[in-house]
Amino acid sequence: MQAVSAPDKCIALCLDDFGLHQGVNQAALQLANHDRITAISCMVGAPHWRGGTARLAQLPPDRVDVGLHLDFTEHPLNPAARRTLPALIALAGARLLDRALIRSEILAQLEAFEQALGREPAHVDGHQHIHQFPVIREELIAVLLERYPRRRPWLRRTKRPSGLRGFKPWLIERLGCDAFSQLARGHGFPQNESLLGVYGFQGDAARYAGHLAQWLGMAQHGDLLMCHAGGSAPVRDPIMAARSNEWQVLAGTAFSDLLAQAGIRLAPLSRLKPRA
């Protein structure tokens, strides 16, 4: 299948955290079936991963990319690999993470993904963007090169779009974007251009719609817009309200209008022209 390229302005829209709870799974499947998202990132150690894989596997791979949401902060397969985000940032920055443990966990999560879906991940990114941290990024690239020598999965680049202000997008980019992008590019891994969708999970649906209009207005071909849409579930989820707001907006008729106004067409990452 040929890659989509200019003059079309195409971006990918990826829903993160599949498997975390039933509300996330439900939103992901509904939005995918209605062509409102073009990628799903999965937490294979999360409580509702296995319960959602049957329907996930039925999604047509030419319309929806399904990938691994590498996780070391909430539900890694090996409890010994779990760290809080601040601790992981500190240990990674000091290069004190156990490389053998990191590599073993990456391999285990890839294996769990493949066993459940019967195919390799179309992309790999990180829960809370941990895939770009020191030590983790080197081990991830090494594992992917060994495991997938012929076909490189897409890797998420966290670069802020030009003109986007705010502390959170700046911080996420500063936590490893340049080093990770250079490493990935050096080994031929395709990446998105900029990352859209970063905000503080505050406000109501109208405020999220405003964020979305801003992101789409500055989007360029090859960008990736991430979302965290989801419904309610009887579990603790600090961003449950934000998930509900996102689902409401992305499933509504106004979203199509926003895409049209911005001249944007959604496409899977695998259909986008890779970043050189």
Protein backbone atom coordinates (compact mmCIF):
# COMPACT_ATOMS: atom_id res chain seq x y z
CA MET A 1 0.00 0.00 0.00
CA GLN A 2 1.45 3.36 -1.02
CA ALA A 3 2.24 5.99 1.56
CA VAL A 4 0.15 9.13 1.71
CA SER A 5 2.17 12.21 0.81
CA ALA A 6 1.75 15.87 -0.13
CA PRO A 7 -0.32 17.73 -1.24
CA ASP A 8 -2.67 16.05 1.26
CA LYS A 9 -2.27 17.30 4.83
CA CYS A 10 -2.58 14.07 6.76
CA ILE A 11 -1.97 13.41 10.43
CA ALA A 12 -2.43 10.36 12.62
CA LEU A 13 -4.68 10.36 15.69
CA CYS A 14 -3.70 7.82 18.33
CA LEU A 15 -5.68 6.85 21.42
CA ASP A 16 -3.38 5.83 24.28
CA ASP A 17 -3.87 3.49 27.27
CA PHE A 18 -5.92 0.67 25.71
CA GLY A 19 -6.26 -2.04 28.35
CA LEU A 20 -6.25 0.30 31.33
CA HIS A 21 -9.97 -0.10 31.96
CA GLN A 22 -13.20 -0.90 30.13
CA GLY A 23 -14.02 2.76 29.59
CA VAL A 24 -10.83 3.29 27.59
CA ASN A 25 -11.35 0.08 25.60
CA GLN A 26 -14.92 1.00 24.74
CA ALA A 27 -13.99 4.47 23.55
CA ALA A 28 -11.07 3.18 21.48
CA LEU A 29 -13.15 0.57 19.68
CA GLN A 30 -16.05 2.91 19.03
CA LEU A 31 -13.87 5.73 17.73
CA ALA A 32 -11.85 3.34 15.57
CA ASN A 33 -14.96 1.79 14.05
CA HIS A 34 -16.23 5.26 13.14
CA ASP A 35 -12.91 6.40 11.65
CA ARG A 36 -12.33 9.01 14.35
CA ILE A 37 -8.91 7.64 15.33
CA THR A 38 -6.27 5.91 13.21
CA ALA A 39 -4.04 4.32 15.85
CA ILE A 40 -4.35 2.68 19.27
CA SER A 41 -1.53 2.20 21.79
CA CYS A 42 -1.86 -0.71 24.20
CA MET A 43 -0.75 -1.36 27.78
CA VAL A 44 -0.27 -5.12 27.78
CA GLY A 45 0.14 -5.41 31.55
CA ALA A 46 -2.98 -3.41 32.36
CA PRO A 47 -6.03 -5.07 33.95
CA HIS A 48 -8.31 -4.99 30.88
CA TRP A 49 -5.81 -5.75 28.14
CA ARG A 50 -6.72 -9.40 27.67
CA GLY A 51 -10.44 -8.73 27.80
CA GLY A 52 -10.21 -6.30 24.92
CA THR A 53 -7.89 -8.07 22.50
CA ALA A 54 -10.51 -10.13 20.64
CA ARG A 55 -12.35 -7.06 19.35
CA LEU A 56 -9.10 -5.16 18.93
CA ALA A 57 -7.76 -7.86 16.60
CA GLN A 58 -10.83 -7.45 14.40
CA LEU A 59 -10.01 -3.85 13.49
CA PRO A 60 -8.77 -3.63 9.89
CA PRO A 61 -5.00 -3.01 10.02
CA ASP A 62 -5.12 -0.84 6.90
CA ARG A 63 -7.38 1.64 8.75
CA VAL A 64 -6.13 1.45 12.34
CA ASP A 65 -2.56 0.89 13.48
CA VAL A 66 -2.29 -0.99 16.77
CA GLY A 67 0.92 -0.62 18.73
CA LEU A 68 2.62 -1.04 22.09
CA HIS A 69 2.36 1.60 24.82
CA LEU A 70 5.52 0.64 26.72
CA ASP A 71 4.84 0.96 30.44
CA PHE A 72 7.20 1.13 33.41
CA THR A 73 5.15 3.35 35.74
CA GLU A 74 1.75 1.67 36.18
CA HIS A 75 1.40 -1.92 34.98
CA PRO A 76 4.67 -3.48 33.82
CA LEU A 77 4.54 -7.25 33.56
CA ASN A 78 7.35 -7.64 36.07
CA PRO A 79 6.50 -5.72 39.27
CA ALA A 80 10.23 -5.24 39.91
CA ALA A 81 10.37 -2.99 36.85
CA ARG A 82 7.78 -0.54 38.15
CA ARG A 83 8.87 2.94 39.23
CA THR A 84 6.98 6.13 39.88
CA LEU A 85 7.44 8.67 37.10
CA PRO A 86 9.65 11.01 39.19
CA ALA A 87 11.83 8.09 40.27
CA LEU A 88 12.10 6.80 36.71
CA ILE A 89 13.11 10.24 35.43
CA ALA A 90 15.78 10.54 38.12
CA LEU A 91 17.19 7.04 37.70
CA ALA A 92 17.16 7.25 33.91
CA GLY A 93 18.82 10.67 33.94
CA ALA A 94 21.58 9.33 36.19
CA ARG A 95 21.77 6.16 34.07
CA LEU A 96 21.18 4.02 37.14
CA LEU A 97 18.40 1.87 35.67
CA ASP A 98 19.09 -1.87 35.51
CA ARG A 99 19.65 -2.46 31.79
CA ALA A 100 18.97 -6.20 32.02
CA LEU A 101 15.66 -5.57 33.78
CA ILE A 102 14.68 -2.87 31.27
CA ARG A 103 15.50 -5.09 28.30
CA SER A 104 13.69 -8.08 29.80
CA GLU A 105 10.56 -6.01 30.38
CA ILE A 106 10.59 -4.57 26.86
CA LEU A 107 10.90 -8.08 25.43
CA ALA A 108 8.10 -9.37 27.67
CA GLN A 109 5.72 -6.60 26.63
CA LEU A 110 6.44 -7.12 22.94
CA GLU A 111 5.91 -10.85 23.36
CA ALA A 112 2.60 -10.30 25.16
CA PHE A 113 1.43 -8.00 22.38
CA GLU A 114 2.33 -10.48 19.64
CA GLN A 115 0.78 -13.44 21.43
CA ALA A 116 -2.51 -11.62 21.91
CA LEU A 117 -2.86 -10.11 18.43
CA GLY A 118 -0.87 -12.52 16.30
CA ARG A 119 1.20 -9.76 14.73
CA GLU A 120 3.96 -7.31 15.55
CA PRO A 121 3.13 -3.80 16.75
CA ALA A 122 2.69 -1.17 14.07
CA HIS A 123 4.28 1.37 16.39
CA VAL A 124 5.90 1.65 19.80
CA ASP A 125 5.60 4.59 22.18
CA GLY A 126 5.69 5.02 25.93
CA HIS A 127 3.16 5.56 28.68
CA GLN A 128 4.03 8.99 30.09
CA HIS A 129 6.61 9.21 27.26
CA ILE A 130 9.09 6.94 29.04
CA HIS A 131 10.27 5.38 25.75
CA GLN A 132 12.57 8.36 25.15
CA PHE A 133 14.31 8.31 28.54
CA PRO A 134 18.04 7.48 28.77
CA VAL A 135 18.78 3.74 29.10
CA ILE A 136 15.21 2.85 28.09
CA ARG A 137 15.64 4.37 24.62
CA GLU A 138 18.92 2.54 23.96
CA GLU A 139 17.54 -0.80 25.10
CA LEU A 140 14.30 -0.27 23.16
CA ILE A 141 16.09 0.45 19.89
CA ALA A 142 18.43 -2.51 20.39
CA VAL A 143 15.54 -4.89 21.09
CA LEU A 144 13.52 -3.65 18.12
CA LEU A 145 16.47 -4.02 15.77
CA GLU A 146 16.96 -7.63 16.87
CA ARG A 147 13.29 -8.56 16.89
CA TYR A 148 12.16 -6.81 13.70
CA PRO A 149 15.15 -6.76 11.33
CA ARG A 150 13.04 -6.33 8.19
CA ARG A 151 10.22 -4.01 9.18
CA ARG A 152 10.74 -1.07 11.50
CA PRO A 153 7.74 -0.02 13.63
CA TRP A 154 6.93 3.67 13.91
CA LEU A 155 8.34 5.42 16.96
CA ARG A 156 6.74 8.41 18.66
CA ARG A 157 8.62 11.68 18.49
CA THR A 158 7.66 14.21 21.17
CA LYS A 159 8.78 17.39 19.41
CA ARG A 160 6.51 20.39 20.02
CA PRO A 161 4.92 21.92 16.93
CA SER A 162 6.25 25.29 15.93
CA GLY A 163 4.41 28.04 17.77
CA LEU A 164 3.04 25.90 20.60
CA ARG A 165 3.77 27.39 24.01
CA GLY A 166 3.39 25.91 27.46
CA PHE A 167 5.49 24.24 30.12
CA LYS A 168 4.20 20.68 29.74
CA PRO A 169 4.93 20.29 26.00
CA TRP A 170 8.36 21.84 26.60
CA LEU A 171 9.12 19.49 29.49
CA ILE A 172 8.05 16.36 27.61
CA GLU A 173 10.28 17.30 24.70
CA ARG A 174 13.19 18.09 27.01
CA LEU A 175 13.01 14.65 28.64
CA GLY A 176 14.66 12.99 25.66
CA CYS A 177 13.15 13.92 22.31
CA ASP A 178 16.30 15.00 20.49
CA ALA A 179 18.47 12.09 21.63
CA PHE A 180 15.75 9.54 20.95
CA SER A 181 14.91 10.98 17.53
CA GLN A 182 18.56 10.97 16.50
CA LEU A 183 19.01 7.38 17.65
CA ALA A 184 15.83 6.22 15.89
CA ARG A 185 16.64 8.08 12.69
CA GLY A 186 20.13 6.62 12.65
CA HIS A 187 18.69 3.12 12.57
CA GLY A 188 15.98 3.80 10.00
CA PHE A 189 12.92 3.92 12.24
CA PRO A 190 10.10 6.09 10.88
CA GLN A 191 8.81 8.81 13.18
CA ASN A 192 6.03 11.35 13.23
CA GLU A 193 6.93 15.00 12.78
CA SER A 194 5.52 16.91 15.77
CA LEU A 195 3.39 15.67 18.67
CA LEU A 196 0.03 17.34 19.30
CA GLY A 197 -2.41 16.73 22.13
CA VAL A 198 -0.39 17.69 25.20
CA TYR A 199 -2.35 19.62 27.85
CA GLY A 200 -3.05 19.53 31.58
CA PHE A 201 -6.28 17.47 31.41
CA GLN A 202 -8.18 20.39 32.92
CA GLY A 203 -11.52 21.93 31.94
CA ASP A 204 -14.70 20.69 30.30
CA ALA A 205 -15.54 19.37 26.84
CA ALA A 206 -15.77 22.87 25.38
CA ARG A 207 -12.26 23.65 26.58
CA TYR A 208 -10.94 20.44 25.06
CA ALA A 209 -12.63 21.33 21.78
CA GLY A 210 -10.78 24.64 21.91
CA HIS A 211 -7.46 22.85 22.42
CA LEU A 212 -8.30 20.55 19.53
CA ALA A 213 -9.05 23.45 17.22
CA GLN A 214 -5.70 25.02 18.13
CA TRP A 215 -3.76 21.78 17.53
CA LEU A 216 -5.43 21.13 14.20
CA GLY A 217 -4.82 24.71 13.15
CA MET A 218 -1.06 24.33 13.63
CA ALA A 219 -0.82 20.71 12.43
CA GLN A 220 1.46 19.86 9.54
CA HIS A 221 1.59 16.79 7.34
CA GLY A 222 3.09 13.86 9.24
CA ASP A 223 2.19 15.06 12.72
CA LEU A 224 0.74 12.82 15.41
CA LEU A 225 -2.18 13.88 17.61
CA MET A 226 -2.50 11.78 20.76
CA CYS A 227 -5.66 11.50 22.83
CA HIS A 228 -6.75 9.78 26.03
CA ALA A 229 -10.46 9.36 25.39
CA GLY A 230 -12.45 6.99 27.59
CA GLY A 231 -15.65 6.36 29.42
CA SER A 232 -16.32 5.93 33.10
CA ALA A 233 -15.36 2.73 34.88
CA PRO A 234 -15.36 1.55 38.51
CA VAL A 235 -11.62 2.08 38.90
CA ARG A 236 -9.38 4.88 40.10
CA ASP A 237 -8.40 7.03 37.14
CA PRO A 238 -7.02 10.52 37.86
CA ILE A 239 -7.98 11.78 34.40
CA MET A 240 -11.40 10.12 34.10
CA ALA A 241 -13.20 13.44 33.57
CA ALA A 242 -10.76 14.48 30.85
CA ARG A 243 -11.17 11.11 29.13
CA SER A 244 -14.93 11.60 29.05
CA ASN A 245 -14.55 15.12 27.63
CA GLU A 246 -12.26 13.88 24.89
CA TRP A 247 -14.58 11.03 23.92
CA GLN A 248 -17.53 13.40 23.76
CA VAL A 249 -15.72 15.79 21.43
CA LEU A 250 -14.04 13.20 19.21
CA ALA A 251 -17.28 11.24 18.75
CA GLY A 252 -19.33 14.37 18.00
CA THR A 253 -20.19 16.02 14.70
CA ALA A 254 -18.11 19.09 15.57
CA PHE A 255 -14.89 17.09 15.21
CA SER A 256 -15.51 16.51 11.51
CA ASP A 257 -16.09 20.23 11.10
CA LEU A 258 -12.80 21.02 12.86
CA LEU A 259 -10.92 18.66 10.56
CA ALA A 260 -12.51 20.20 7.47
CA GLN A 261 -11.81 23.75 8.63
CA ALA A 262 -8.15 22.91 9.19
CA GLY A 263 -7.83 21.01 5.91
CA ILE A 264 -6.77 17.87 7.77
CA ARG A 265 -7.31 14.24 6.82
CA LEU A 266 -6.68 11.44 9.30
CA ALA A 267 -4.55 8.47 8.30
CA PRO A 268 -2.74 5.63 10.08
CA LEU A 269 0.91 6.24 10.92
CA SER A 270 1.79 3.46 8.51
CA ARG A 271 0.20 5.42 5.66
CA LEU A 272 2.05 8.63 6.35
CA LYS A 273 5.24 9.53 4.54
CA PRO A 274 8.00 8.76 7.04
CA ARG A 275 10.16 11.53 8.40
CA ALA A 276 13.53 11.53 6.68
